[in-house]
């Protein structure tokens, strides 16, 4: 299933794509797509519905983030060896973990803010994991029992704040709008091989990132198991899993986003995002 949220910010309705790609209203069956509802029981209930009987929503309405109010927005850094190389950093021997503030979550096509004084705003196309069942001290071969589905994430990063300022990466990762999520939460049964999905990102129509989830250093099962050793993972939690090479920081000379730039991100079977950089 491809689940999404449709409507003005703060007033989104839960929805689903039918077999013809039409958007259908799920609000009769589920209040929202949040930690209270994002679990395997909900998915089982929704899979029994005749989607063609549901009211159709306009395809011109705004698409919100496919999840709202997650408890955690966890991120994995340098999870592609080529990206580590372009960042002049060693390939990690275990997942590098940091957090993004949940207040950074944005709709997939919403504007991304650049504030006065921001000098090094960067892009990162990433695969997001959505947790559907509490995971605590689980093994790698148990991870799929806890993964509800996947989504597209742009791990927007202000590199000066992330790297050149004091403290942790979270500062450069958490400004409002730095976490576009969606358009869809795609349940795992709709993806034949999560470890072989094409990824891409364009800036102003020019291809910057081309990758595939097959080249991730740590796959989704390893990541979920690893994180569960240090924190319990709860339904609705988002884990974004790292980016392939081609970020602005790695270019020579470096290239960063500016007001008016446009971004297009895509991951095979997970949809695409189209956003614009606006001055705050």
C-alpha atoms as a PDB file:
ATOM      1  CA  UNK A   1       0.000   0.000   0.000  1.00  0.00           C
ATOM      2  CA  UNK A   2       1.015   3.577  -0.633  1.00  0.00           C
ATOM      3  CA  UNK A   3      -0.252   5.709   2.248  1.00  0.00           C
ATOM      4  CA  UNK A   4      -0.117   9.496   2.292  1.00  0.00           C
ATOM      5  CA  UNK A   5      -1.595  12.588   3.917  1.00  0.00           C
ATOM      6  CA  UNK A   6      -3.484  15.184   1.874  1.00  0.00           C
ATOM      7  CA  UNK A   7      -4.490  18.744   2.693  1.00  0.00           C
ATOM      8  CA  UNK A   8      -3.350  22.031   4.168  1.00  0.00           C
ATOM      9  CA  UNK A   9      -0.616  21.945   6.776  1.00  0.00           C
ATOM     10  CA  UNK A  10      -2.085  20.877  10.092  1.00  0.00           C
ATOM     11  CA  UNK A  11      -5.339  19.689   8.512  1.00  0.00           C
ATOM     12  CA  UNK A  12      -4.192  16.717   6.437  1.00  0.00           C
ATOM     13  CA  UNK A  13      -6.383  13.673   5.817  1.00  0.00           C
ATOM     14  CA  UNK A  14      -4.980  10.136   5.732  1.00  0.00           C
ATOM     15  CA  UNK A  15      -5.229   8.701   2.231  1.00  0.00           C
ATOM     16  CA  UNK A  16      -4.184   5.788   0.042  1.00  0.00           C
ATOM     17  CA  UNK A  17      -3.426   5.293  -3.637  1.00  0.00           C
ATOM     18  CA  UNK A  18      -5.722   2.817  -5.370  1.00  0.00           C
ATOM     19  CA  UNK A  19      -4.581   0.464  -8.162  1.00  0.00           C
ATOM     20  CA  UNK A  20      -5.149   3.210 -10.742  1.00  0.00           C
ATOM     21  CA  UNK A  21      -3.114   5.781  -8.823  1.00  0.00           C
ATOM     22  CA  UNK A  22      -6.138   7.730  -7.599  1.00  0.00           C
ATOM     23  CA  UNK A  23      -6.019   9.202  -4.094  1.00  0.00           C
ATOM     24  CA  UNK A  24      -8.686   7.792  -1.770  1.00  0.00           C
ATOM     25  CA  UNK A  25      -9.794   9.220   1.591  1.00  0.00           C
ATOM     26  CA  UNK A  26      -9.048   6.897   4.559  1.00  0.00           C
ATOM     27  CA  UNK A  27     -10.346   9.162   7.310  1.00  0.00           C
ATOM     28  CA  UNK A  28     -13.396   6.937   7.887  1.00  0.00           C
ATOM     29  CA  UNK A  29     -11.076   4.122   8.957  1.00  0.00           C
ATOM     30  CA  UNK A  30      -8.044   5.824  10.495  1.00  0.00           C
ATOM     31  CA  UNK A  31      -7.725   9.226  12.161  1.00  0.00           C
ATOM     32  CA  UNK A  32      -4.225  10.005  10.927  1.00  0.00           C
ATOM     33  CA  UNK A  33      -0.879   8.396  10.098  1.00  0.00           C
ATOM     34  CA  UNK A  34       0.907   8.818  13.424  1.00  0.00           C
ATOM     35  CA  UNK A  35       2.443   6.660  16.189  1.00  0.00           C
ATOM     36  CA  UNK A  36      -1.029   5.664  17.422  1.00  0.00           C
ATOM     37  CA  UNK A  37      -2.030   4.154  14.090  1.00  0.00           C
ATOM     38  CA  UNK A  38       1.163   3.148  12.288  1.00  0.00           C
ATOM     39  CA  UNK A  39       1.260  -0.528  13.190  1.00  0.00           C
ATOM     40  CA  UNK A  40       0.687  -3.886  11.552  1.00  0.00           C
ATOM     41  CA  UNK A  41      -2.876  -4.143  12.886  1.00  0.00           C
ATOM     42  CA  UNK A  42      -3.856  -0.926  11.093  1.00  0.00           C
ATOM     43  CA  UNK A  43      -2.248  -2.072   7.848  1.00  0.00           C
ATOM     44  CA  UNK A  44      -4.064  -5.402   8.029  1.00  0.00           C
ATOM     45  CA  UNK A  45      -7.382  -3.583   8.522  1.00  0.00           C
ATOM     46  CA  UNK A  46      -6.742  -1.219   5.619  1.00  0.00           C
ATOM     47  CA  UNK A  47      -5.768  -4.057   3.305  1.00  0.00           C
ATOM     48  CA  UNK A  48      -9.231  -5.561   3.725  1.00  0.00           C
ATOM     49  CA  UNK A  49     -11.015  -2.419   2.465  1.00  0.00           C
ATOM     50  CA  UNK A  50     -12.327  -2.066  -1.072  1.00  0.00           C
ATOM     51  CA  UNK A  51     -10.334   1.046  -1.933  1.00  0.00           C
ATOM     52  CA  UNK A  52     -12.499   1.836  -4.949  1.00  0.00           C
ATOM     53  CA  UNK A  53     -15.440   2.383  -2.593  1.00  0.00           C
ATOM     54  CA  UNK A  54     -13.669   5.228  -0.778  1.00  0.00           C
ATOM     55  CA  UNK A  55     -14.212   8.908  -1.643  1.00  0.00           C
ATOM     56  CA  UNK A  56     -11.689  10.233  -4.138  1.00  0.00           C
ATOM     57  CA  UNK A  57      -9.527  13.225  -3.191  1.00  0.00           C
ATOM     58  CA  UNK A  58      -8.192  15.779  -5.648  1.00  0.00           C
ATOM     59  CA  UNK A  59      -4.734  15.068  -7.005  1.00  0.00           C
ATOM     60  CA  UNK A  60      -4.063  18.823  -6.993  1.00  0.00           C
ATOM     61  CA  UNK A  61      -4.229  19.119  -3.205  1.00  0.00           C
ATOM     62  CA  UNK A  62      -1.077  19.556  -1.147  1.00  0.00           C
ATOM     63  CA  UNK A  63       0.671  16.376  -0.031  1.00  0.00           C
ATOM     64  CA  UNK A  64       1.848  16.510   3.563  1.00  0.00           C
ATOM     65  CA  UNK A  65       4.515  14.409   5.226  1.00  0.00           C
ATOM     66  CA  UNK A  66       3.415  10.774   5.112  1.00  0.00           C
ATOM     67  CA  UNK A  67       3.871  10.561   8.905  1.00  0.00           C
ATOM     68  CA  UNK A  68       3.018  13.117  11.549  1.00  0.00           C
ATOM     69  CA  UNK A  69       4.344  13.552  15.072  1.00  0.00           C
ATOM     70  CA  UNK A  70       6.808  10.654  15.192  1.00  0.00           C
ATOM     71  CA  UNK A  71       8.490  10.076  18.519  1.00  0.00           C
ATOM     72  CA  UNK A  72      11.932   9.977  16.939  1.00  0.00           C
ATOM     73  CA  UNK A  73      13.607  11.025  13.711  1.00  0.00           C
ATOM     74  CA  UNK A  74      16.875   9.089  13.728  1.00  0.00           C
ATOM     75  CA  UNK A  75      19.533   9.364  11.035  1.00  0.00           C
ATOM     76  CA  UNK A  76      22.534   7.356   9.877  1.00  0.00           C
ATOM     77  CA  UNK A  77      25.553   9.204   8.495  1.00  0.00           C
ATOM     78  CA  UNK A  78      28.168   8.231   5.900  1.00  0.00           C
ATOM     79  CA  UNK A  79      26.356   5.032   4.951  1.00  0.00           C
ATOM     80  CA  UNK A  80      27.738   4.998   1.400  1.00  0.00           C
ATOM     81  CA  UNK A  81      31.494   4.516   1.027  1.00  0.00           C
ATOM     82  CA  UNK A  82      31.704   6.954  -1.914  1.00  0.00           C
ATOM     83  CA  UNK A  83      29.952   9.628   0.152  1.00  0.00           C
ATOM     84  CA  UNK A  84      32.410   9.081   3.015  1.00  0.00           C
ATOM     85  CA  UNK A  85      35.250   9.485   0.513  1.00  0.00           C
ATOM     86  CA  UNK A  86      33.894  12.734  -0.940  1.00  0.00           C
ATOM     87  CA  UNK A  87      33.486  14.019   2.640  1.00  0.00           C
ATOM     88  CA  UNK A  88      37.152  13.185   3.354  1.00  0.00           C
ATOM     89  CA  UNK A  89      36.078  10.932   6.208  1.00  0.00           C
ATOM     90  CA  UNK A  90      36.913   7.286   6.915  1.00  0.00           C
ATOM     91  CA  UNK A  91      34.391   4.591   6.010  1.00  0.00           C
ATOM     92  CA  UNK A  92      32.592   3.815   9.291  1.00  0.00           C
ATOM     93  CA  UNK A  93      32.937   0.410  10.909  1.00  0.00           C
ATOM     94  CA  UNK A  94      29.541   0.750  12.586  1.00  0.00           C
ATOM     95  CA  UNK A  95      26.561   3.018  11.860  1.00  0.00           C
ATOM     96  CA  UNK A  96      27.118   6.691  12.672  1.00  0.00           C
ATOM     97  CA  UNK A  97      23.996   7.846  14.461  1.00  0.00           C
ATOM     98  CA  UNK A  98      22.514  11.292  14.997  1.00  0.00           C
ATOM     99  CA  UNK A  99      19.053  12.825  15.403  1.00  0.00           C
ATOM    100  CA  UNK A 100      16.978  15.279  13.428  1.00  0.00           C
ATOM    101  CA  UNK A 101      14.409  17.310  15.348  1.00  0.00           C
ATOM    102  CA  UNK A 102      10.888  16.101  14.596  1.00  0.00           C
ATOM    103  CA  UNK A 103       9.946  19.770  14.095  1.00  0.00           C
ATOM    104  CA  UNK A 104      12.059  19.715  10.907  1.00  0.00           C
ATOM    105  CA  UNK A 105       9.541  17.429   9.165  1.00  0.00           C
ATOM    106  CA  UNK A 106       8.111  18.929   6.001  1.00  0.00           C
ATOM    107  CA  UNK A 107       5.830  17.924   3.165  1.00  0.00           C
ATOM    108  CA  UNK A 108       7.604  16.419   0.141  1.00  0.00           C
ATOM    109  CA  UNK A 109       6.820  19.382  -2.107  1.00  0.00           C
ATOM    110  CA  UNK A 110       6.799  22.144   0.495  1.00  0.00           C
ATOM    111  CA  UNK A 111       9.287  25.019   0.356  1.00  0.00           C
ATOM    112  CA  UNK A 112      12.608  24.613   2.173  1.00  0.00           C
ATOM    113  CA  UNK A 113      13.693  27.675   4.128  1.00  0.00           C
ATOM    114  CA  UNK A 114      17.096  29.290   3.907  1.00  0.00           C
ATOM    115  CA  UNK A 115      17.624  31.829   6.653  1.00  0.00           C
ATOM    116  CA  UNK A 116      19.754  34.944   6.654  1.00  0.00           C
ATOM    117  CA  UNK A 117      23.332  33.954   7.421  1.00  0.00           C
ATOM    118  CA  UNK A 118      23.027  30.388   6.147  1.00  0.00           C
ATOM    119  CA  UNK A 119      26.021  29.782   3.871  1.00  0.00           C
ATOM    120  CA  UNK A 120      26.197  26.039   3.249  1.00  0.00           C
ATOM    121  CA  UNK A 121      22.738  24.546   2.756  1.00  0.00           C
ATOM    122  CA  UNK A 122      23.064  21.083   1.217  1.00  0.00           C
ATOM    123  CA  UNK A 123      20.914  18.231  -0.095  1.00  0.00           C
ATOM    124  CA  UNK A 124      20.819  14.470   0.623  1.00  0.00           C
ATOM    125  CA  UNK A 125      18.445  11.957  -0.983  1.00  0.00           C
ATOM    126  CA  UNK A 126      17.843   9.102   1.456  1.00  0.00           C
ATOM    127  CA  UNK A 127      15.793   5.981   2.111  1.00  0.00           C
ATOM    128  CA  UNK A 128      13.628   6.253   5.220  1.00  0.00           C
ATOM    129  CA  UNK A 129      12.553   3.292   7.362  1.00  0.00           C
ATOM    130  CA  UNK A 130       9.223   3.427   9.221  1.00  0.00           C
ATOM    131  CA  UNK A 131       8.913   1.351  12.397  1.00  0.00           C
ATOM    132  CA  UNK A 132       5.636  -0.515  12.984  1.00  0.00           C
ATOM    133  CA  UNK A 133       6.338  -2.479  16.164  1.00  0.00           C
ATOM    134  CA  UNK A 134       8.504  -1.755  19.190  1.00  0.00           C
ATOM    135  CA  UNK A 135      12.070  -2.929  18.661  1.00  0.00           C
ATOM    136  CA  UNK A 136      14.364  -3.388  21.640  1.00  0.00           C
ATOM    137  CA  UNK A 137      17.575  -5.456  21.570  1.00  0.00           C
ATOM    138  CA  UNK A 138      16.565  -7.349  18.446  1.00  0.00           C
ATOM    139  CA  UNK A 139      18.781  -9.326  16.065  1.00  0.00           C
ATOM    140  CA  UNK A 140      19.247  -8.565  12.379  1.00  0.00           C
ATOM    141  CA  UNK A 141      17.048 -11.478  11.342  1.00  0.00           C
ATOM    142  CA  UNK A 142      14.230 -10.089  13.507  1.00  0.00           C
ATOM    143  CA  UNK A 143      14.354  -6.581  12.019  1.00  0.00           C
ATOM    144  CA  UNK A 144      11.755  -7.136   9.291  1.00  0.00           C
ATOM    145  CA  UNK A 145       9.210  -8.066  11.975  1.00  0.00           C
ATOM    146  CA  UNK A 146       9.456  -4.460  13.173  1.00  0.00           C
ATOM    147  CA  UNK A 147       9.659  -2.533   9.873  1.00  0.00           C
ATOM    148  CA  UNK A 148       6.297  -1.295   8.621  1.00  0.00           C
ATOM    149  CA  UNK A 149       7.494   0.287   5.417  1.00  0.00           C
ATOM    150  CA  UNK A 150       9.701   2.835   3.723  1.00  0.00           C
ATOM    151  CA  UNK A 151       9.652   6.399   2.412  1.00  0.00           C
ATOM    152  CA  UNK A 152      11.728   9.029   0.649  1.00  0.00           C
ATOM    153  CA  UNK A 153      13.585  11.557   2.826  1.00  0.00           C
ATOM    154  CA  UNK A 154      15.660  14.640   2.024  1.00  0.00           C
ATOM    155  CA  UNK A 155      18.158  15.033   4.869  1.00  0.00           C
ATOM    156  CA  UNK A 156      18.631  18.762   4.305  1.00  0.00           C
ATOM    157  CA  UNK A 157      21.852  19.870   6.018  1.00  0.00           C
ATOM    158  CA  UNK A 158      23.439  23.222   6.815  1.00  0.00           C
ATOM    159  CA  UNK A 159      27.101  22.180   6.686  1.00  0.00           C
ATOM    160  CA  UNK A 160      28.573  25.157   8.544  1.00  0.00           C
ATOM    161  CA  UNK A 161      26.237  24.520  11.465  1.00  0.00           C
ATOM    162  CA  UNK A 162      26.806  20.758  11.245  1.00  0.00           C
ATOM    163  CA  UNK A 163      30.591  20.648  10.962  1.00  0.00           C
ATOM    164  CA  UNK A 164      32.194  24.012  11.701  1.00  0.00           C
ATOM    165  CA  UNK A 165      30.179  24.998  14.775  1.00  0.00           C
ATOM    166  CA  UNK A 166      30.641  23.451  18.188  1.00  0.00           C
ATOM    167  CA  UNK A 167      28.575  20.473  19.268  1.00  0.00           C
ATOM    168  CA  UNK A 168      26.807  17.672  17.435  1.00  0.00           C
ATOM    169  CA  UNK A 169      25.510  17.243  13.876  1.00  0.00           C
ATOM    170  CA  UNK A 170      21.911  17.680  15.046  1.00  0.00           C
ATOM    171  CA  UNK A 171      22.297  21.486  14.836  1.00  0.00           C
ATOM    172  CA  UNK A 172      22.897  21.418  11.097  1.00  0.00           C
ATOM    173  CA  UNK A 173      20.103  18.929  10.476  1.00  0.00           C
ATOM    174  CA  UNK A 174      17.128  20.233  12.416  1.00  0.00           C
ATOM    175  CA  UNK A 175      15.955  23.666  11.274  1.00  0.00           C
ATOM    176  CA  UNK A 176      12.290  23.876  10.312  1.00  0.00           C
ATOM    177  CA  UNK A 177      11.706  22.360   6.824  1.00  0.00           C
ATOM    178  CA  UNK A 178      15.004  20.399   6.857  1.00  0.00           C
ATOM    179  CA  UNK A 179      13.156  17.063   6.891  1.00  0.00           C
ATOM    180  CA  UNK A 180      10.942  16.579   3.817  1.00  0.00           C
ATOM    181  CA  UNK A 181       9.317  13.134   4.178  1.00  0.00           C
ATOM    182  CA  UNK A 182       7.205  11.295   1.611  1.00  0.00           C
ATOM    183  CA  UNK A 183       5.175  11.542  -0.559  1.00  0.00           C
ATOM    184  CA  UNK A 184       4.233   7.993   0.438  1.00  0.00           C
ATOM    185  CA  UNK A 185       4.705   5.504   3.192  1.00  0.00           C
ATOM    186  CA  UNK A 186       5.059   2.342   1.106  1.00  0.00           C
ATOM    187  CA  UNK A 187       4.381  -0.835   3.067  1.00  0.00           C
ATOM    188  CA  UNK A 188       7.170  -3.369   2.738  1.00  0.00           C
ATOM    189  CA  UNK A 189       4.981  -5.922   0.940  1.00  0.00           C
ATOM    190  CA  UNK A 190       4.838  -3.494  -2.004  1.00  0.00           C
ATOM    191  CA  UNK A 191       8.638  -3.491  -2.446  1.00  0.00           C
ATOM    192  CA  UNK A 192      10.252  -6.570  -3.957  1.00  0.00           C
ATOM    193  CA  UNK A 193      13.836  -5.758  -2.915  1.00  0.00           C
ATOM    194  CA  UNK A 194      14.578  -2.856  -0.598  1.00  0.00           C
ATOM    195  CA  UNK A 195      18.299  -3.452  -1.160  1.00  0.00           C
ATOM    196  CA  UNK A 196      18.086  -2.646  -4.868  1.00  0.00           C
ATOM    197  CA  UNK A 197      16.296   0.675  -5.405  1.00  0.00           C
ATOM    198  CA  UNK A 198      17.568   3.434  -7.693  1.00  0.00           C
ATOM    199  CA  UNK A 199      18.070   6.856  -6.083  1.00  0.00           C
ATOM    200  CA  UNK A 200      18.542  10.288  -7.657  1.00  0.00           C
ATOM    201  CA  UNK A 201      18.551  14.012  -6.891  1.00  0.00           C
ATOM    202  CA  UNK A 202      18.553  16.979  -9.284  1.00  0.00           C
ATOM    203  CA  UNK A 203      19.234  20.629  -8.501  1.00  0.00           C
ATOM    204  CA  UNK A 204      17.753  23.091 -11.007  1.00  0.00           C
ATOM    205  CA  UNK A 205      17.289  20.205 -13.436  1.00  0.00           C
ATOM    206  CA  UNK A 206      20.918  19.031 -13.230  1.00  0.00           C
ATOM    207  CA  UNK A 207      21.628  15.543 -11.906  1.00  0.00           C
ATOM    208  CA  UNK A 208      23.735  15.713  -8.733  1.00  0.00           C
ATOM    209  CA  UNK A 209      23.192  12.364  -7.030  1.00  0.00           C
ATOM    210  CA  UNK A 210      22.775   8.934  -8.584  1.00  0.00           C
ATOM    211  CA  UNK A 211      22.844   5.877  -6.363  1.00  0.00           C
ATOM    212  CA  UNK A 212      21.270   2.603  -5.362  1.00  0.00           C
ATOM    213  CA  UNK A 213      20.357   1.186  -1.977  1.00  0.00           C
ATOM    214  CA  UNK A 214      22.453  -1.868  -2.903  1.00  0.00           C
ATOM    215  CA  UNK A 215      25.607   0.116  -2.122  1.00  0.00           C
ATOM    216  CA  UNK A 216      24.643   1.057   1.432  1.00  0.00           C
ATOM    217  CA  UNK A 217      27.363  -0.031   3.863  1.00  0.00           C
ATOM    218  CA  UNK A 218      24.788  -1.067   6.473  1.00  0.00           C
ATOM    219  CA  UNK A 219      21.465  -2.387   5.164  1.00  0.00           C
ATOM    220  CA  UNK A 220      18.093  -1.740   6.776  1.00  0.00           C
ATOM    221  CA  UNK A 221      18.137  -4.897   8.916  1.00  0.00           C
ATOM    222  CA  UNK A 222      21.562  -4.066  10.334  1.00  0.00           C
ATOM    223  CA  UNK A 223      20.518  -0.468  11.058  1.00  0.00           C
ATOM    224  CA  UNK A 224      17.294  -1.360  12.883  1.00  0.00           C
ATOM    225  CA  UNK A 225      18.998  -4.075  14.932  1.00  0.00           C
ATOM    226  CA  UNK A 226      21.940  -1.781  15.756  1.00  0.00           C
ATOM    227  CA  UNK A 227      19.779   1.133  16.888  1.00  0.00           C
ATOM    228  CA  UNK A 228      17.584  -1.157  19.003  1.00  0.00           C
ATOM    229  CA  UNK A 229      20.611  -1.917  21.169  1.00  0.00           C
ATOM    230  CA  UNK A 230      20.881   1.735  22.229  1.00  0.00           C
ATOM    231  CA  UNK A 231      17.257   2.945  22.215  1.00  0.00           C
ATOM    232  CA  UNK A 232      13.885   1.313  21.869  1.00  0.00           C
ATOM    233  CA  UNK A 233      12.278   2.027  18.508  1.00  0.00           C
ATOM    234  CA  UNK A 234       8.571   2.788  18.558  1.00  0.00           C
ATOM    235  CA  UNK A 235       5.782   2.641  15.955  1.00  0.00           C
ATOM    236  CA  UNK A 236       5.927   5.707  13.739  1.00  0.00           C
ATOM    237  CA  UNK A 237       9.629   6.355  14.304  1.00  0.00           C
ATOM    238  CA  UNK A 238      11.524   7.399  11.163  1.00  0.00           C
ATOM    239  CA  UNK A 239      15.088   6.269  10.459  1.00  0.00           C
ATOM    240  CA  UNK A 240      16.805   7.884   7.494  1.00  0.00           C
ATOM    241  CA  UNK A 241      19.674   5.774   6.249  1.00  0.00           C
ATOM    242  CA  UNK A 242      22.339   7.856   4.534  1.00  0.00           C
ATOM    243  CA  UNK A 243      22.985   9.340   1.111  1.00  0.00           C
ATOM    244  CA  UNK A 244      24.975   8.385  -2.010  1.00  0.00           C
ATOM    245  CA  UNK A 245      27.748  10.634  -3.363  1.00  0.00           C
ATOM    246  CA  UNK A 246      27.010  13.920  -5.095  1.00  0.00           C
ATOM    247  CA  UNK A 247      26.257  16.318  -2.240  1.00  0.00           C
ATOM    248  CA  UNK A 248      27.278  19.941  -2.582  1.00  0.00           C
ATOM    249  CA  UNK A 249      29.872  19.710   0.193  1.00  0.00           C
ATOM    250  CA  UNK A 250      31.794  17.084  -1.778  1.00  0.00           C
ATOM    251  CA  UNK A 251      32.097  19.085  -4.991  1.00  0.00           C
ATOM    252  CA  UNK A 252      35.202  20.935  -6.106  1.00  0.00           C
ATOM    253  CA  UNK A 253      34.498  23.765  -5.749  1.00  0.00           C
ATOM    254  CA  UNK A 254      31.768  23.175  -3.222  1.00  0.00           C
ATOM    255  CA  UNK A 255      28.231  24.090  -4.279  1.00  0.00           C
ATOM    256  CA  UNK A 256      25.408  24.979  -1.910  1.00  0.00           C
ATOM    257  CA  UNK A 257      21.746  25.858  -2.238  1.00  0.00           C
ATOM    258  CA  UNK A 258      20.529  29.416  -2.657  1.00  0.00           C
ATOM    259  CA  UNK A 259      17.172  31.157  -2.781  1.00  0.00           C
ATOM    260  CA  UNK A 260      15.178  30.127  -5.846  1.00  0.00           C
ATOM    261  CA  UNK A 261      16.899  26.770  -6.401  1.00  0.00           C
ATOM    262  CA  UNK A 262      14.669  23.775  -7.083  1.00  0.00           C
ATOM    263  CA  UNK A 263      15.167  20.174  -5.979  1.00  0.00           C
ATOM    264  CA  UNK A 264      13.794  16.950  -7.415  1.00  0.00           C
ATOM    265  CA  UNK A 265      14.410  13.730  -5.468  1.00  0.00           C
ATOM    266  CA  UNK A 266      13.392  10.224  -6.422  1.00  0.00           C
ATOM    267  CA  UNK A 267      13.709   6.673  -5.121  1.00  0.00           C
ATOM    268  CA  UNK A 268      12.378   3.825  -7.203  1.00  0.00           C
ATOM    269  CA  UNK A 269       8.889   2.720  -6.011  1.00  0.00           C
ATOM    270  CA  UNK A 270       8.834   5.418  -3.306  1.00  0.00           C
ATOM    271  CA  UNK A 271       7.837   8.408  -5.424  1.00  0.00           C
ATOM    272  CA  UNK A 272       9.483  11.793  -5.780  1.00  0.00           C
ATOM    273  CA  UNK A 273       9.785  15.165  -4.094  1.00  0.00           C
ATOM    274  CA  UNK A 274       9.826  18.571  -5.753  1.00  0.00           C
ATOM    275  CA  UNK A 275      10.718  21.546  -3.570  1.00  0.00           C
ATOM    276  CA  UNK A 276      12.009  25.095  -3.800  1.00  0.00           C
ATOM    277  CA  UNK A 277      14.443  27.039  -1.630  1.00  0.00           C
ATOM    278  CA  UNK A 278      12.864  30.193  -0.218  1.00  0.00           C
ATOM    279  CA  UNK A 279      14.307  32.955   1.949  1.00  0.00           C
ATOM    280  CA  UNK A 280      12.877  33.157   5.457  1.00  0.00           C
END
